[in-house]
Amino acid sequence: MVEQILRRGEVGSEEFGERFGLARSTVSYHAKVLASAGLITTRREGRFFFYRPVVEALEGAMPGLARQLKKLG
């Protein structure tokens, strides 16, 4: 999840379910964990949720991750 969110800047919850074959509840649970850790923010639009990275927090928790992912993408 983190990789996709970092690479794209914002990812909708439905995309995770479709791409990885995950139930909505699974995506929601993992997003809540990441949000609680301050690594992503969540935006709601109707019944859909969108996730954005908190790059500074991700860099603090996993130094160099964003740079490495940008090299791969």
N, C-alpha and C. Protein backbone atom coordinates (compact mmCIF):
# COMPACT_ATOMS: atom_id res chain seq x y z
N MET A 1 0.82 -1.19 0.00
CA MET A 1 0.00 0.00 0.00
C MET A 1 0.87 1.25 0.00
N VAL A 2 1.85 1.26 0.88
CA VAL A 2 2.70 2.44 1.01
C VAL A 2 3.40 2.74 -0.32
N GLU A 3 3.88 1.70 -0.96
CA GLU A 3 4.57 1.89 -2.24
C GLU A 3 3.66 2.56 -3.26
N GLN A 4 2.46 2.08 -3.41
CA GLN A 4 1.52 2.64 -4.38
C GLN A 4 1.14 4.07 -4.03
N ILE A 5 0.90 4.32 -2.76
CA ILE A 5 0.51 5.66 -2.33
C ILE A 5 1.65 6.65 -2.58
N LEU A 6 2.87 6.25 -2.26
CA LEU A 6 4.02 7.13 -2.51
C LEU A 6 4.23 7.39 -3.99
N ARG A 7 4.16 6.35 -4.78
CA ARG A 7 4.41 6.51 -6.23
C ARG A 7 3.37 7.39 -6.90
N ARG A 8 2.11 7.24 -6.51
CA ARG A 8 1.03 7.93 -7.21
C ARG A 8 0.58 9.21 -6.54
N GLY A 9 0.93 9.40 -5.27
CA GLY A 9 0.53 10.61 -4.57
C GLY A 9 -0.82 10.51 -3.91
N GLU A 10 -1.75 9.81 -4.52
CA GLU A 10 -3.06 9.55 -3.93
C GLU A 10 -3.65 8.31 -4.60
N VAL A 11 -4.20 7.43 -3.78
CA VAL A 11 -4.77 6.19 -4.29
C VAL A 11 -6.12 5.97 -3.61
N GLY A 12 -7.10 5.56 -4.41
CA GLY A 12 -8.42 5.25 -3.88
C GLY A 12 -8.46 3.86 -3.28
N SER A 13 -9.26 3.70 -2.25
CA SER A 13 -9.36 2.41 -1.56
C SER A 13 -9.82 1.29 -2.50
N GLU A 14 -10.69 1.61 -3.43
CA GLU A 14 -11.19 0.59 -4.35
C GLU A 14 -10.07 0.00 -5.21
N GLU A 15 -9.08 0.81 -5.51
CA GLU A 15 -7.96 0.33 -6.34
C GLU A 15 -7.18 -0.78 -5.65
N PHE A 16 -7.02 -0.69 -4.33
CA PHE A 16 -6.29 -1.73 -3.61
C PHE A 16 -7.05 -3.04 -3.66
N GLY A 17 -8.35 -2.96 -3.47
CA GLY A 17 -9.16 -4.17 -3.53
C GLY A 17 -9.08 -4.83 -4.88
N GLU A 18 -9.19 -4.04 -5.93
CA GLU A 18 -9.15 -4.58 -7.30
C GLU A 18 -7.76 -5.11 -7.64
N ARG A 19 -6.75 -4.34 -7.33
CA ARG A 19 -5.38 -4.71 -7.72
C ARG A 19 -4.87 -5.94 -6.97
N PHE A 20 -5.17 -6.00 -5.67
CA PHE A 20 -4.61 -7.06 -4.85
C PHE A 20 -5.63 -8.10 -4.42
N GLY A 21 -6.87 -7.95 -4.86
CA GLY A 21 -7.91 -8.91 -4.49
C GLY A 21 -8.22 -8.91 -3.01
N LEU A 22 -8.23 -7.72 -2.41
CA LEU A 22 -8.46 -7.60 -0.97
C LEU A 22 -9.89 -7.15 -0.68
N ALA A 23 -10.42 -7.61 0.42
CA ALA A 23 -11.73 -7.16 0.87
C ALA A 23 -11.63 -5.72 1.34
N ARG A 24 -12.73 -4.99 1.25
CA ARG A 24 -12.76 -3.60 1.72
C ARG A 24 -12.31 -3.49 3.17
N SER A 25 -12.77 -4.43 3.98
CA SER A 25 -12.42 -4.39 5.40
C SER A 25 -10.91 -4.53 5.62
N THR A 26 -10.26 -5.32 4.80
CA THR A 26 -8.81 -5.50 4.90
C THR A 26 -8.08 -4.21 4.54
N VAL A 27 -8.50 -3.60 3.44
CA VAL A 27 -7.90 -2.33 3.01
C VAL A 27 -8.12 -1.28 4.09
N SER A 28 -9.34 -1.20 4.61
CA SER A 28 -9.68 -0.23 5.64
C SER A 28 -8.83 -0.42 6.89
N TYR A 29 -8.67 -1.65 7.31
CA TYR A 29 -7.88 -1.95 8.51
C TYR A 29 -6.43 -1.47 8.34
N HIS A 30 -5.82 -1.83 7.24
CA HIS A 30 -4.42 -1.46 7.02
C HIS A 30 -4.26 0.05 6.84
N ALA A 31 -5.23 0.68 6.20
CA ALA A 31 -5.19 2.14 6.06
C ALA A 31 -5.29 2.81 7.43
N LYS A 32 -6.13 2.28 8.31
CA LYS A 32 -6.25 2.84 9.66
C LYS A 32 -4.95 2.70 10.43
N VAL A 33 -4.27 1.58 10.27
CA VAL A 33 -2.98 1.38 10.94
C VAL A 33 -1.97 2.41 10.43
N LEU A 34 -1.89 2.57 9.12
CA LEU A 34 -0.95 3.54 8.54
C LEU A 34 -1.30 4.97 8.94
N ALA A 35 -2.59 5.29 8.97
CA ALA A 35 -3.03 6.63 9.37
C ALA A 35 -2.74 6.87 10.85
N SER A 36 -2.98 5.88 11.68
CA SER A 36 -2.70 6.01 13.12
C SER A 36 -1.22 6.24 13.39
N ALA A 37 -0.40 5.67 12.54
CA ALA A 37 1.05 5.87 12.66
C ALA A 37 1.50 7.20 12.07
N GLY A 38 0.56 7.93 11.44
CA GLY A 38 0.89 9.22 10.86
C GLY A 38 1.58 9.13 9.52
N LEU A 39 1.53 7.96 8.88
CA LEU A 39 2.24 7.76 7.61
C LEU A 39 1.41 8.12 6.38
N ILE A 40 0.08 8.12 6.53
CA ILE A 40 -0.80 8.52 5.44
C ILE A 40 -1.93 9.37 6.00
N THR A 41 -2.59 10.11 5.10
CA THR A 41 -3.82 10.82 5.45
C THR A 41 -4.94 10.22 4.63
N THR A 42 -6.13 10.34 5.14
CA THR A 42 -7.30 9.78 4.46
C THR A 42 -8.27 10.90 4.14
N ARG A 43 -8.79 10.86 2.92
CA ARG A 43 -9.79 11.83 2.47
C ARG A 43 -11.00 11.04 2.01
N ARG A 44 -12.17 11.47 2.46
CA ARG A 44 -13.40 10.78 2.07
C ARG A 44 -14.16 11.62 1.05
N GLU A 45 -14.63 10.95 0.01
CA GLU A 45 -15.45 11.58 -1.01
C GLU A 45 -16.64 10.65 -1.26
N GLY A 46 -17.79 11.00 -0.67
CA GLY A 46 -18.94 10.11 -0.75
C GLY A 46 -18.65 8.84 0.01
N ARG A 47 -18.80 7.71 -0.66
CA ARG A 47 -18.51 6.44 0.01
C ARG A 47 -17.10 5.94 -0.27
N PHE A 48 -16.31 6.74 -0.97
CA PHE A 48 -14.95 6.35 -1.33
C PHE A 48 -13.92 7.05 -0.45
N PHE A 49 -12.83 6.34 -0.20
CA PHE A 49 -11.72 6.88 0.58
C PHE A 49 -10.49 6.96 -0.31
N PHE A 50 -9.72 8.01 -0.10
CA PHE A 50 -8.49 8.23 -0.85
C PHE A 50 -7.36 8.45 0.14
N TYR A 51 -6.22 7.85 -0.16
CA TYR A 51 -5.08 7.89 0.75
C TYR A 51 -3.93 8.64 0.11
N ARG A 52 -3.31 9.51 0.93
CA ARG A 52 -2.14 10.29 0.50
C ARG A 52 -0.99 10.05 1.48
N PRO A 53 0.23 10.10 0.98
CA PRO A 53 1.37 9.88 1.88
C PRO A 53 1.69 11.12 2.71
N VAL A 54 2.23 10.91 3.87
CA VAL A 54 2.84 11.97 4.66
C VAL A 54 4.33 11.72 4.51
N VAL A 55 4.90 12.31 3.47
CA VAL A 55 6.26 11.99 3.06
C VAL A 55 7.27 12.20 4.19
N GLU A 56 7.14 13.29 4.93
CA GLU A 56 8.08 13.57 6.01
C GLU A 56 8.06 12.45 7.06
N ALA A 57 6.87 11.98 7.40
CA ALA A 57 6.74 10.90 8.39
C ALA A 57 7.30 9.59 7.84
N LEU A 58 7.02 9.32 6.58
CA LEU A 58 7.56 8.10 5.96
C LEU A 58 9.07 8.14 5.90
N GLU A 59 9.62 9.29 5.56
CA GLU A 59 11.08 9.42 5.52
C GLU A 59 11.68 9.25 6.91
N GLY A 60 10.98 9.77 7.93
CA GLY A 60 11.46 9.61 9.30
C GLY A 60 11.43 8.16 9.75
N ALA A 61 10.37 7.44 9.36
CA ALA A 61 10.21 6.05 9.76
C ALA A 61 11.05 5.10 8.90
N MET A 62 11.17 5.44 7.61
CA MET A 62 11.89 4.58 6.66
C MET A 62 12.77 5.44 5.77
N PRO A 63 13.90 5.90 6.29
CA PRO A 63 14.76 6.80 5.54
C PRO A 63 15.11 6.25 4.15
N GLY A 64 14.97 7.11 3.15
CA GLY A 64 15.34 6.76 1.79
C GLY A 64 14.28 6.00 1.01
N LEU A 65 13.17 5.64 1.64
CA LEU A 65 12.14 4.86 0.95
C LEU A 65 11.58 5.59 -0.27
N ALA A 66 11.18 6.83 -0.09
CA ALA A 66 10.59 7.58 -1.20
C ALA A 66 11.58 7.70 -2.36
N ARG A 67 12.83 7.98 -2.04
CA ARG A 67 13.86 8.11 -3.08
C ARG A 67 14.04 6.79 -3.84
N GLN A 68 14.07 5.69 -3.11
CA GLN A 68 14.24 4.38 -3.75
C GLN A 68 13.06 4.04 -4.65
N LEU A 69 11.85 4.32 -4.19
CA LEU A 69 10.65 4.03 -4.98
C LEU A 69 10.60 4.89 -6.24
N LYS A 70 11.02 6.13 -6.13
CA LYS A 70 11.04 7.00 -7.31
C LYS A 70 12.03 6.50 -8.35
N LYS A 71 13.14 5.93 -7.91
CA LYS A 71 14.13 5.36 -8.83
C LYS A 71 13.55 4.17 -9.58
N LEU A 72 12.76 3.36 -8.90
CA LEU A 72 12.17 2.18 -9.51
C LEU A 72 11.05 2.52 -10.47
N GLY A 73 10.33 3.62 -10.18
CA GLY A 73 9.16 3.98 -10.99
C GLY A 73 9.55 4.77 -12.15
